[in-house]
Amino acid sequence: MALIWFVAYRWRANDLIDTALKGLDHFRAQGPVYAVTMVMWFLLCLVAAFTKGRRFHACFAMIFLIYNLAFAGIQLITSQDAPGAGLLRSR
């Protein structure tokens, strides 16, 4: 189980680095919630890598999935160039 969370931990770190390498404007365009979210998941995945509780892992996996789906959905909805974004703007 620790290997799974270690991979998720590395993925978050790599995502932050990749976003930063694309430039400061790109990083700022992600919004403040992005940086906080990445740091939060980075730390929680590190904790999960060393925790053996089945309940903790089950809850963490569900929260991880739900939060990431909601985060991606919000990013798509609020993106100006997302397909269908014009339907959500007030007329």
Protein backbone atom coordinates (compact mmCIF):
# COMPACT_ATOMS: atom_id res chain seq x y z
CA MET A 1 0.00 0.00 0.00
CA ALA A 2 2.86 2.37 0.76
CA LEU A 3 4.06 2.10 -2.84
CA ILE A 4 0.72 3.36 -4.17
CA TRP A 5 0.80 6.46 -1.96
CA PHE A 6 4.47 7.04 -2.71
CA VAL A 7 3.63 7.10 -6.43
CA ALA A 8 0.77 9.55 -5.76
CA TYR A 9 3.15 11.62 -3.62
CA ARG A 10 5.72 11.77 -6.44
CA TRP A 11 3.01 12.55 -8.99
CA ARG A 12 1.93 15.64 -7.00
CA ALA A 13 5.50 16.83 -6.60
CA ASN A 14 6.13 16.35 -10.32
CA ASP A 15 2.91 18.18 -11.19
CA LEU A 16 3.96 21.21 -9.14
CA ILE A 17 7.42 21.23 -10.73
CA ASP A 18 5.98 20.79 -14.24
CA THR A 19 3.53 23.66 -13.72
CA ALA A 20 6.28 25.91 -12.37
CA LEU A 21 8.56 25.09 -15.33
CA LYS A 22 5.85 26.28 -17.73
CA GLY A 23 6.39 29.78 -16.39
CA LEU A 24 5.18 32.05 -13.65
CA ASP A 25 2.19 33.24 -15.69
CA HIS A 26 1.03 29.65 -16.19
CA PHE A 27 1.52 28.87 -12.50
CA ARG A 28 -0.47 31.96 -11.46
CA ALA A 29 -3.21 31.08 -13.95
CA GLN A 30 -3.88 27.90 -11.97
CA GLY A 31 -5.09 30.01 -9.05
CA PRO A 32 -4.18 29.93 -5.37
CA VAL A 33 -6.30 26.86 -4.71
CA TYR A 34 -4.05 24.81 -7.02
CA ALA A 35 -0.88 25.38 -5.01
CA VAL A 36 -2.63 24.76 -1.69
CA THR A 37 -4.25 21.60 -3.07
CA MET A 38 -0.99 20.20 -4.41
CA VAL A 39 0.87 20.84 -1.15
CA MET A 40 -2.01 19.35 0.86
CA TRP A 41 -2.10 16.14 -1.24
CA PHE A 42 1.69 15.96 -1.23
CA LEU A 43 1.76 15.95 2.58
CA LEU A 44 -1.25 13.65 2.99
CA CYS A 45 0.19 11.10 0.54
CA LEU A 46 3.43 11.16 2.49
CA VAL A 47 1.50 10.42 5.70
CA ALA A 48 -0.51 7.70 3.93
CA ALA A 49 2.69 6.01 2.76
CA PHE A 50 3.61 5.29 6.38
CA THR A 51 0.13 4.60 7.81
CA LYS A 52 -1.18 1.04 7.92
CA GLY A 53 -4.79 1.66 9.00
CA ARG A 54 -7.28 0.24 6.49
CA ARG A 55 -9.97 2.73 7.48
CA PHE A 56 -7.58 5.63 7.00
CA HIS A 57 -6.65 4.41 3.52
CA ALA A 58 -10.26 3.76 2.53
CA CYS A 59 -11.38 7.21 3.69
CA PHE A 60 -8.35 8.90 2.21
CA ALA A 61 -8.86 7.20 -1.16
CA MET A 62 -12.53 8.25 -1.30
CA ILE A 63 -11.78 11.84 -0.27
CA PHE A 64 -8.88 11.95 -2.75
CA LEU A 65 -11.14 10.80 -5.61
CA ILE A 66 -14.10 13.03 -4.75
CA TYR A 67 -11.96 16.13 -4.19
CA ASN A 68 -10.00 15.68 -7.41
CA LEU A 69 -13.14 15.13 -9.47
CA ALA A 70 -14.71 18.24 -7.93
CA PHE A 71 -11.51 20.25 -8.43
CA ALA A 72 -11.27 19.22 -12.09
CA GLY A 73 -14.96 19.96 -12.63
CA ILE A 74 -14.68 23.41 -11.08
CA GLN A 75 -11.60 24.16 -13.18
CA LEU A 76 -13.45 23.15 -16.34
CA ILE A 77 -16.57 25.10 -15.47
CA THR A 78 -14.69 28.28 -14.62
CA SER A 79 -12.27 28.06 -17.54
CA GLN A 80 -13.07 30.72 -20.13
CA ASP A 81 -12.17 28.48 -23.08
CA ALA A 82 -13.78 25.28 -21.83
CA PRO A 83 -16.34 23.67 -24.15
CA GLY A 84 -19.75 24.97 -23.17
CA ALA A 85 -18.35 27.72 -20.94
CA GLY A 86 -20.47 30.28 -22.79
CA LEU A 87 -23.61 28.52 -21.59
CA LEU A 88 -22.66 29.22 -17.98
CA ARG A 89 -21.97 32.93 -18.40
CA SER A 90 -24.72 35.35 -17.53
CA ARG A 91 -26.29 37.02 -20.53
